[in-house]
Structure formats: C-alpha cells, structure tokens
C-alpha cells in the first residue's frame, strides 16, 4: 500500500476524542494485480517505531482484518443539502498507547 499518513487525533473526526497518546493512521488500499496472480488483501499489518530509531526496531505487528480498517464518512450530495454516508477510499486505524511528545514512524503492509 501507499505510505501511511498520520493526522493528530480528533482532527475532523468527531468519533475520536483528542488525546496526546493516540494517533489516527490513514492509508490507501494495496494495489492488487490480477495479471500477476496477486491474492486479494484480507488483512493489514501495522507497526511503529520511535522516531525512526533503527536500534530499537519495529513494534510487534498489529494484525487488522480489512473490515476493521474500513472507514465511512459523511458527504453532501452535489446540488443539494442532503448528507450521504459513503465509504472512504482510505483505510483507518486509531493507534493508542503512544507516548506524548515523542515522534513515531509507522509502516503498513498488506
């Protein structure tokens, strides 16, 4: 998949309260090429490490089934004031248990 993006907790979400020890991680789905006989992606592996420190290495992977990362958002229908719930093309996971004031590096594999 594409490199994950990180947003401070609570930015434009409303379902997650602000906390200095959590972060919201977004990523696009892995590209599956049927001509190369790629199997479908059923789960993602999320890891983090402190500040890109190569000495400490990566955390134990979180194994997330695809349906647990699926995210829905509300959009306005074009030309009307009616709202509609649609699937966000990005996947999303809230990473908790981080230390506040510390930079983290994340990676996602599908």
Foldseek 3Di string as FASTA:
>chain_A
DDFKDKDQFPVPDVVTDGDLFKIKIKDADDDADVVVVRDDDFWKWKWKDWPPDPVVDIDHTDIGGPVRFWDKDWDADPPDRDIDIDTDRMTMDMDGDHDGPIDMGMGMDD
